[in-house]
């Protein structure tokens, strides 16, 4: 089993993602530079966090045109699992692989802290390691994580169970106090309509070792590996 971790100019969470693949899951994986145009031989794709192209124009707006993104679209269309984290989520939205867009945080401040999330759907290839309603803790670090979508798109996400996670407090209560960026309906992550593409702003790859604060992120990567198999 082989997992691709994409690299764009100014990606900075790629090393963390590959560490999880190789050293935590014990799987094969390698970096795939943005100028490559093939994902042949890979079973899953991770689009990691960072500041691709310096976040010029708009987060993810330039990266969406990289040659590798054509291969990502084809890979996802064939049912391959794709996980986009933080900047990866922004890129997938800009590329049309996920609905909505990530705007500047409410308050226009960069937010970097630990954040509680509530699992909204536990029957997808990415969340079978969790229980519906479970509260997990991931790290967040973003300035443009305010998830925004038109009313009809939002209604469809809610109707079809495509909201993956919501920001919440430690007790699992959603609302203004647990929302770090103003995201619509406290949404922290969403799926595509086939549930094989997930984008989320929080960083599960940072919470896979008790030495650095917890292991809540392990369930997502273990589920991803099982789905890719």
C-alpha atoms as a PDB file:
ATOM      1  CA  UNK A   1       0.000   0.000   0.000  1.00  0.00           C
ATOM      2  CA  UNK A   2       1.359   3.393  -1.041  1.00  0.00           C
ATOM      3  CA  UNK A   3       0.216   6.888  -0.014  1.00  0.00           C
ATOM      4  CA  UNK A   4       1.076  10.128  -1.796  1.00  0.00           C
ATOM      5  CA  UNK A   5       1.752  13.301   0.202  1.00  0.00           C
ATOM      6  CA  UNK A   6       1.614  16.291  -2.126  1.00  0.00           C
ATOM      7  CA  UNK A   7       4.132  19.122  -1.911  1.00  0.00           C
ATOM      8  CA  UNK A   8       3.556  22.658  -3.134  1.00  0.00           C
ATOM      9  CA  UNK A   9       5.890  25.633  -2.714  1.00  0.00           C
ATOM     10  CA  UNK A  10       5.485  26.600   0.991  1.00  0.00           C
ATOM     11  CA  UNK A  11       3.794  23.401   2.137  1.00  0.00           C
ATOM     12  CA  UNK A  12       4.918  22.988   5.740  1.00  0.00           C
ATOM     13  CA  UNK A  13       2.936  20.060   7.185  1.00  0.00           C
ATOM     14  CA  UNK A  14       4.051  17.575   4.544  1.00  0.00           C
ATOM     15  CA  UNK A  15       6.766  16.115   6.771  1.00  0.00           C
ATOM     16  CA  UNK A  16       4.246  15.511   9.557  1.00  0.00           C
ATOM     17  CA  UNK A  17       1.858  13.746   7.185  1.00  0.00           C
ATOM     18  CA  UNK A  18       4.576  11.491   5.774  1.00  0.00           C
ATOM     19  CA  UNK A  19       5.773  10.723   9.309  1.00  0.00           C
ATOM     20  CA  UNK A  20       2.299   9.422  10.153  1.00  0.00           C
ATOM     21  CA  UNK A  21       2.195   7.303   6.998  1.00  0.00           C
ATOM     22  CA  UNK A  22       5.617   5.759   7.390  1.00  0.00           C
ATOM     23  CA  UNK A  23       6.356   5.725  11.114  1.00  0.00           C
ATOM     24  CA  UNK A  24       2.931   5.463  12.719  1.00  0.00           C
ATOM     25  CA  UNK A  25       1.009   3.384  10.193  1.00  0.00           C
ATOM     26  CA  UNK A  26       4.086   1.559   8.904  1.00  0.00           C
ATOM     27  CA  UNK A  27       3.030   2.048   5.286  1.00  0.00           C
ATOM     28  CA  UNK A  28       4.836   3.033   2.129  1.00  0.00           C
ATOM     29  CA  UNK A  29       4.571   6.658   1.055  1.00  0.00           C
ATOM     30  CA  UNK A  30       6.474   9.433  -0.619  1.00  0.00           C
ATOM     31  CA  UNK A  31       6.274  13.102  -1.454  1.00  0.00           C
ATOM     32  CA  UNK A  32       4.779  14.037  -4.819  1.00  0.00           C
ATOM     33  CA  UNK A  33       5.956  17.420  -6.115  1.00  0.00           C
ATOM     34  CA  UNK A  34       3.268  19.730  -7.493  1.00  0.00           C
ATOM     35  CA  UNK A  35       4.796  19.676 -10.983  1.00  0.00           C
ATOM     36  CA  UNK A  36       4.323  15.925 -11.330  1.00  0.00           C
ATOM     37  CA  UNK A  37       1.256  14.843 -13.277  1.00  0.00           C
ATOM     38  CA  UNK A  38       0.622  11.252 -12.262  1.00  0.00           C
ATOM     39  CA  UNK A  39      -0.539   9.378  -9.182  1.00  0.00           C
ATOM     40  CA  UNK A  40      -0.056   5.943 -10.704  1.00  0.00           C
ATOM     41  CA  UNK A  41       0.713   3.321  -8.075  1.00  0.00           C
ATOM     42  CA  UNK A  42      -0.804   5.232  -5.159  1.00  0.00           C
ATOM     43  CA  UNK A  43      -3.724   4.044  -3.049  1.00  0.00           C
ATOM     44  CA  UNK A  44      -4.528   7.290  -1.208  1.00  0.00           C
ATOM     45  CA  UNK A  45      -3.595  10.971  -1.402  1.00  0.00           C
ATOM     46  CA  UNK A  46      -2.958  13.500   1.361  1.00  0.00           C
ATOM     47  CA  UNK A  47      -2.988  17.209   0.491  1.00  0.00           C
ATOM     48  CA  UNK A  48      -1.188  18.690   3.518  1.00  0.00           C
ATOM     49  CA  UNK A  49      -1.279  22.021   5.300  1.00  0.00           C
ATOM     50  CA  UNK A  50       0.926  25.016   4.732  1.00  0.00           C
ATOM     51  CA  UNK A  51       0.836  28.243   2.753  1.00  0.00           C
ATOM     52  CA  UNK A  52       0.976  27.091  -0.875  1.00  0.00           C
ATOM     53  CA  UNK A  53       2.395  29.823  -3.103  1.00  0.00           C
ATOM     54  CA  UNK A  54       2.460  32.126  -0.091  1.00  0.00           C
ATOM     55  CA  UNK A  55      -1.368  32.269  -0.038  1.00  0.00           C
ATOM     56  CA  UNK A  56      -1.199  34.902  -2.779  1.00  0.00           C
ATOM     57  CA  UNK A  57      -4.476  35.881  -4.448  1.00  0.00           C
ATOM     58  CA  UNK A  58      -6.473  33.598  -2.164  1.00  0.00           C
ATOM     59  CA  UNK A  59      -5.581  30.473  -0.214  1.00  0.00           C
ATOM     60  CA  UNK A  60      -5.305  27.559  -2.629  1.00  0.00           C
ATOM     61  CA  UNK A  61      -6.180  29.677  -5.670  1.00  0.00           C
ATOM     62  CA  UNK A  62      -2.824  29.170  -7.388  1.00  0.00           C
ATOM     63  CA  UNK A  63      -2.177  25.616  -6.206  1.00  0.00           C
ATOM     64  CA  UNK A  64      -5.396  24.451  -7.862  1.00  0.00           C
ATOM     65  CA  UNK A  65      -3.691  25.009 -11.244  1.00  0.00           C
ATOM     66  CA  UNK A  66      -0.633  22.859 -10.441  1.00  0.00           C
ATOM     67  CA  UNK A  67      -0.175  19.893 -12.809  1.00  0.00           C
ATOM     68  CA  UNK A  68      -0.662  17.360 -10.006  1.00  0.00           C
ATOM     69  CA  UNK A  69      -4.203  18.576  -9.371  1.00  0.00           C
ATOM     70  CA  UNK A  70      -5.389  17.113 -12.653  1.00  0.00           C
ATOM     71  CA  UNK A  71      -4.192  13.733 -11.413  1.00  0.00           C
ATOM     72  CA  UNK A  72      -5.913  14.325  -8.060  1.00  0.00           C
ATOM     73  CA  UNK A  73      -9.220  15.006  -9.828  1.00  0.00           C
ATOM     74  CA  UNK A  74      -8.868  11.799 -11.852  1.00  0.00           C
ATOM     75  CA  UNK A  75      -7.868   9.816  -8.762  1.00  0.00           C
ATOM     76  CA  UNK A  76     -10.898  11.064  -6.824  1.00  0.00           C
ATOM     77  CA  UNK A  77     -13.227  10.436  -9.779  1.00  0.00           C
ATOM     78  CA  UNK A  78     -12.127   6.787  -9.730  1.00  0.00           C
ATOM     79  CA  UNK A  79     -13.062   6.568  -6.049  1.00  0.00           C
ATOM     80  CA  UNK A  80      -9.600   6.964  -4.544  1.00  0.00           C
ATOM     81  CA  UNK A  81      -9.505   8.438  -1.019  1.00  0.00           C
ATOM     82  CA  UNK A  82      -8.216  12.014  -0.803  1.00  0.00           C
ATOM     83  CA  UNK A  83      -7.616  13.820   2.500  1.00  0.00           C
ATOM     84  CA  UNK A  84      -7.062  17.583   2.511  1.00  0.00           C
ATOM     85  CA  UNK A  85      -5.823  19.184   5.734  1.00  0.00           C
ATOM     86  CA  UNK A  86      -5.955  22.956   6.384  1.00  0.00           C
ATOM     87  CA  UNK A  87      -4.345  24.436   3.247  1.00  0.00           C
ATOM     88  CA  UNK A  88      -5.142  21.118   1.595  1.00  0.00           C
ATOM     89  CA  UNK A  89      -8.831  21.714   2.381  1.00  0.00           C
ATOM     90  CA  UNK A  90      -8.568  25.189   0.861  1.00  0.00           C
ATOM     91  CA  UNK A  91      -6.941  23.774  -2.279  1.00  0.00           C
ATOM     92  CA  UNK A  92      -9.599  21.083  -2.698  1.00  0.00           C
ATOM     93  CA  UNK A  93     -12.348  23.699  -2.415  1.00  0.00           C
ATOM     94  CA  UNK A  94     -10.649  25.978  -4.939  1.00  0.00           C
ATOM     95  CA  UNK A  95     -10.217  23.010  -7.289  1.00  0.00           C
ATOM     96  CA  UNK A  96     -13.932  22.197  -7.119  1.00  0.00           C
ATOM     97  CA  UNK A  97     -13.397  18.834  -5.447  1.00  0.00           C
ATOM     98  CA  UNK A  98     -15.258  20.047  -2.365  1.00  0.00           C
ATOM     99  CA  UNK A  99     -18.066  22.607  -2.066  1.00  0.00           C
ATOM    100  CA  UNK A 100     -17.756  25.991  -0.413  1.00  0.00           C
ATOM    101  CA  UNK A 101     -14.814  28.283   0.222  1.00  0.00           C
ATOM    102  CA  UNK A 102     -12.557  29.223   3.148  1.00  0.00           C
ATOM    103  CA  UNK A 103     -12.649  32.926   4.025  1.00  0.00           C
ATOM    104  CA  UNK A 104     -10.740  35.097   6.498  1.00  0.00           C
ATOM    105  CA  UNK A 105     -11.407  34.206  10.122  1.00  0.00           C
ATOM    106  CA  UNK A 106     -14.042  36.215  11.921  1.00  0.00           C
ATOM    107  CA  UNK A 107     -12.101  38.905  13.751  1.00  0.00           C
ATOM    108  CA  UNK A 108      -9.402  38.732  11.057  1.00  0.00           C
ATOM    109  CA  UNK A 109      -6.884  37.083  13.368  1.00  0.00           C
ATOM    110  CA  UNK A 110      -4.700  34.036  12.845  1.00  0.00           C
ATOM    111  CA  UNK A 111      -5.784  31.333  15.304  1.00  0.00           C
ATOM    112  CA  UNK A 112      -3.345  28.754  16.680  1.00  0.00           C
ATOM    113  CA  UNK A 113      -4.528  26.523  19.520  1.00  0.00           C
ATOM    114  CA  UNK A 114      -5.945  23.152  20.488  1.00  0.00           C
ATOM    115  CA  UNK A 115      -9.557  22.759  19.406  1.00  0.00           C
ATOM    116  CA  UNK A 116     -12.366  20.349  20.241  1.00  0.00           C
ATOM    117  CA  UNK A 117     -14.404  18.853  17.394  1.00  0.00           C
ATOM    118  CA  UNK A 118     -17.533  16.748  17.319  1.00  0.00           C
ATOM    119  CA  UNK A 119     -17.669  13.793  14.926  1.00  0.00           C
ATOM    120  CA  UNK A 120     -20.833  14.148  12.842  1.00  0.00           C
ATOM    121  CA  UNK A 121     -20.621  11.048  10.648  1.00  0.00           C
ATOM    122  CA  UNK A 122     -18.814   7.857  11.670  1.00  0.00           C
ATOM    123  CA  UNK A 123     -19.654   5.726   8.623  1.00  0.00           C
ATOM    124  CA  UNK A 124     -17.180   7.160   6.110  1.00  0.00           C
ATOM    125  CA  UNK A 125     -13.760   5.889   4.998  1.00  0.00           C
ATOM    126  CA  UNK A 126     -12.116   8.559   7.181  1.00  0.00           C
ATOM    127  CA  UNK A 127     -14.117   8.331  10.404  1.00  0.00           C
ATOM    128  CA  UNK A 128     -14.772   4.654  11.077  1.00  0.00           C
ATOM    129  CA  UNK A 129     -12.226   4.899  13.887  1.00  0.00           C
ATOM    130  CA  UNK A 130     -14.532   7.253  15.778  1.00  0.00           C
ATOM    131  CA  UNK A 131     -18.104   7.212  17.096  1.00  0.00           C
ATOM    132  CA  UNK A 132     -20.791   9.625  16.023  1.00  0.00           C
ATOM    133  CA  UNK A 133     -20.990  12.443  18.546  1.00  0.00           C
ATOM    134  CA  UNK A 134     -17.506  11.685  19.889  1.00  0.00           C
ATOM    135  CA  UNK A 135     -15.506  14.747  20.907  1.00  0.00           C
ATOM    136  CA  UNK A 136     -11.906  14.764  19.702  1.00  0.00           C
ATOM    137  CA  UNK A 137      -9.123  17.297  20.096  1.00  0.00           C
ATOM    138  CA  UNK A 138      -6.961  18.434  17.189  1.00  0.00           C
ATOM    139  CA  UNK A 139      -4.659  21.401  16.664  1.00  0.00           C
ATOM    140  CA  UNK A 140      -5.690  24.344  14.507  1.00  0.00           C
ATOM    141  CA  UNK A 141      -3.443  26.975  12.905  1.00  0.00           C
ATOM    142  CA  UNK A 142      -5.037  29.146  10.243  1.00  0.00           C
ATOM    143  CA  UNK A 143      -5.994  32.660   9.253  1.00  0.00           C
ATOM    144  CA  UNK A 144      -8.535  31.710   6.590  1.00  0.00           C
ATOM    145  CA  UNK A 145     -10.599  28.889   8.035  1.00  0.00           C
ATOM    146  CA  UNK A 146     -14.038  30.490   7.964  1.00  0.00           C
ATOM    147  CA  UNK A 147     -16.024  27.913   5.972  1.00  0.00           C
ATOM    148  CA  UNK A 148     -18.634  29.641   3.816  1.00  0.00           C
ATOM    149  CA  UNK A 149     -21.223  28.170   1.455  1.00  0.00           C
ATOM    150  CA  UNK A 150     -24.465  29.356  -0.126  1.00  0.00           C
ATOM    151  CA  UNK A 151     -27.761  28.413   1.578  1.00  0.00           C
ATOM    152  CA  UNK A 152     -28.736  25.727  -0.937  1.00  0.00           C
ATOM    153  CA  UNK A 153     -25.301  24.127  -0.753  1.00  0.00           C
ATOM    154  CA  UNK A 154     -25.419  24.193   3.027  1.00  0.00           C
ATOM    155  CA  UNK A 155     -28.843  22.563   3.052  1.00  0.00           C
ATOM    156  CA  UNK A 156     -27.559  19.777   0.811  1.00  0.00           C
ATOM    157  CA  UNK A 157     -24.497  19.188   3.009  1.00  0.00           C
ATOM    158  CA  UNK A 158     -26.684  18.901   6.092  1.00  0.00           C
ATOM    159  CA  UNK A 159     -29.313  16.749   4.395  1.00  0.00           C
ATOM    160  CA  UNK A 160     -26.821  14.269   2.978  1.00  0.00           C
ATOM    161  CA  UNK A 161     -24.646  13.902   6.073  1.00  0.00           C
ATOM    162  CA  UNK A 162     -21.620  15.459   4.417  1.00  0.00           C
ATOM    163  CA  UNK A 163     -20.576  17.573   7.398  1.00  0.00           C
ATOM    164  CA  UNK A 164     -17.631  15.638   8.812  1.00  0.00           C
ATOM    165  CA  UNK A 165     -16.810  17.585  11.985  1.00  0.00           C
ATOM    166  CA  UNK A 166     -18.106  20.626  13.848  1.00  0.00           C
ATOM    167  CA  UNK A 167     -16.235  22.925  16.181  1.00  0.00           C
ATOM    168  CA  UNK A 168     -17.468  22.506  19.742  1.00  0.00           C
ATOM    169  CA  UNK A 169     -16.487  22.848  23.376  1.00  0.00           C
ATOM    170  CA  UNK A 170     -15.081  20.051  25.537  1.00  0.00           C
ATOM    171  CA  UNK A 171     -18.595  18.782  26.261  1.00  0.00           C
ATOM    172  CA  UNK A 172     -19.491  18.560  22.566  1.00  0.00           C
ATOM    173  CA  UNK A 173     -21.741  21.622  22.590  1.00  0.00           C
ATOM    174  CA  UNK A 174     -21.623  23.615  19.356  1.00  0.00           C
ATOM    175  CA  UNK A 175     -22.105  27.354  19.264  1.00  0.00           C
ATOM    176  CA  UNK A 176     -20.266  30.659  19.210  1.00  0.00           C
ATOM    177  CA  UNK A 177     -18.030  29.824  22.173  1.00  0.00           C
ATOM    178  CA  UNK A 178     -16.531  26.760  20.477  1.00  0.00           C
ATOM    179  CA  UNK A 179     -16.217  28.240  16.987  1.00  0.00           C
ATOM    180  CA  UNK A 180     -12.711  29.673  16.432  1.00  0.00           C
ATOM    181  CA  UNK A 181     -13.208  31.281  13.026  1.00  0.00           C
ATOM    182  CA  UNK A 182     -16.879  32.006  12.311  1.00  0.00           C
ATOM    183  CA  UNK A 183     -17.492  28.980  10.076  1.00  0.00           C
ATOM    184  CA  UNK A 184     -21.068  28.499   8.938  1.00  0.00           C
ATOM    185  CA  UNK A 185     -22.939  26.047  11.185  1.00  0.00           C
ATOM    186  CA  UNK A 186     -19.663  25.481  13.078  1.00  0.00           C
ATOM    187  CA  UNK A 187     -18.417  23.334  10.182  1.00  0.00           C
ATOM    188  CA  UNK A 188     -14.815  22.164  10.525  1.00  0.00           C
ATOM    189  CA  UNK A 189     -14.737  19.693   7.627  1.00  0.00           C
ATOM    190  CA  UNK A 190     -16.842  18.378   4.729  1.00  0.00           C
ATOM    191  CA  UNK A 191     -17.049  15.466   2.286  1.00  0.00           C
ATOM    192  CA  UNK A 192     -17.697  15.334  -1.424  1.00  0.00           C
ATOM    193  CA  UNK A 193     -20.883  13.643  -2.588  1.00  0.00           C
ATOM    194  CA  UNK A 194     -19.153  10.256  -2.900  1.00  0.00           C
ATOM    195  CA  UNK A 195     -17.582  10.470   0.588  1.00  0.00           C
ATOM    196  CA  UNK A 196     -14.121   9.630  -0.746  1.00  0.00           C
ATOM    197  CA  UNK A 197     -12.781  13.194  -0.451  1.00  0.00           C
ATOM    198  CA  UNK A 198     -12.540  14.872   2.952  1.00  0.00           C
ATOM    199  CA  UNK A 199     -11.307  18.350   3.738  1.00  0.00           C
ATOM    200  CA  UNK A 200     -10.908  19.764   7.238  1.00  0.00           C
ATOM    201  CA  UNK A 201      -9.160  22.766   8.737  1.00  0.00           C
ATOM    202  CA  UNK A 202      -7.848  21.122  11.970  1.00  0.00           C
ATOM    203  CA  UNK A 203      -4.652  19.051  11.904  1.00  0.00           C
ATOM    204  CA  UNK A 204      -5.113  15.376  12.857  1.00  0.00           C
ATOM    205  CA  UNK A 205      -1.483  14.645  11.905  1.00  0.00           C
ATOM    206  CA  UNK A 206      -0.331  16.695  14.896  1.00  0.00           C
ATOM    207  CA  UNK A 207      -2.193  14.550  17.421  1.00  0.00           C
ATOM    208  CA  UNK A 208      -0.849  11.055  16.862  1.00  0.00           C
ATOM    209  CA  UNK A 209       1.618  10.797  19.760  1.00  0.00           C
ATOM    210  CA  UNK A 210       0.885  11.170  23.462  1.00  0.00           C
ATOM    211  CA  UNK A 211       4.237  12.932  23.851  1.00  0.00           C
ATOM    212  CA  UNK A 212       2.909  15.914  21.894  1.00  0.00           C
ATOM    213  CA  UNK A 213      -0.518  16.170  23.488  1.00  0.00           C
ATOM    214  CA  UNK A 214      -2.713  13.281  22.424  1.00  0.00           C
ATOM    215  CA  UNK A 215      -3.556  10.590  19.901  1.00  0.00           C
ATOM    216  CA  UNK A 216      -7.000  11.659  18.683  1.00  0.00           C
ATOM    217  CA  UNK A 217      -5.708  11.971  15.109  1.00  0.00           C
ATOM    218  CA  UNK A 218      -4.700   8.330  14.803  1.00  0.00           C
ATOM    219  CA  UNK A 219      -8.234   7.115  14.157  1.00  0.00           C
ATOM    220  CA  UNK A 220      -8.509   9.140  10.975  1.00  0.00           C
ATOM    221  CA  UNK A 221      -5.297   7.860   9.448  1.00  0.00           C
ATOM    222  CA  UNK A 222      -5.995   4.267  10.452  1.00  0.00           C
ATOM    223  CA  UNK A 223      -9.423   4.521   8.798  1.00  0.00           C
ATOM    224  CA  UNK A 224      -7.878   6.085   5.693  1.00  0.00           C
ATOM    225  CA  UNK A 225      -5.377   3.240   5.423  1.00  0.00           C
ATOM    226  CA  UNK A 226      -8.139   0.647   5.799  1.00  0.00           C
ATOM    227  CA  UNK A 227     -10.198   2.343   3.102  1.00  0.00           C
ATOM    228  CA  UNK A 228      -7.245   2.500   0.715  1.00  0.00           C
ATOM    229  CA  UNK A 229      -6.669  -1.229   1.176  1.00  0.00           C
END
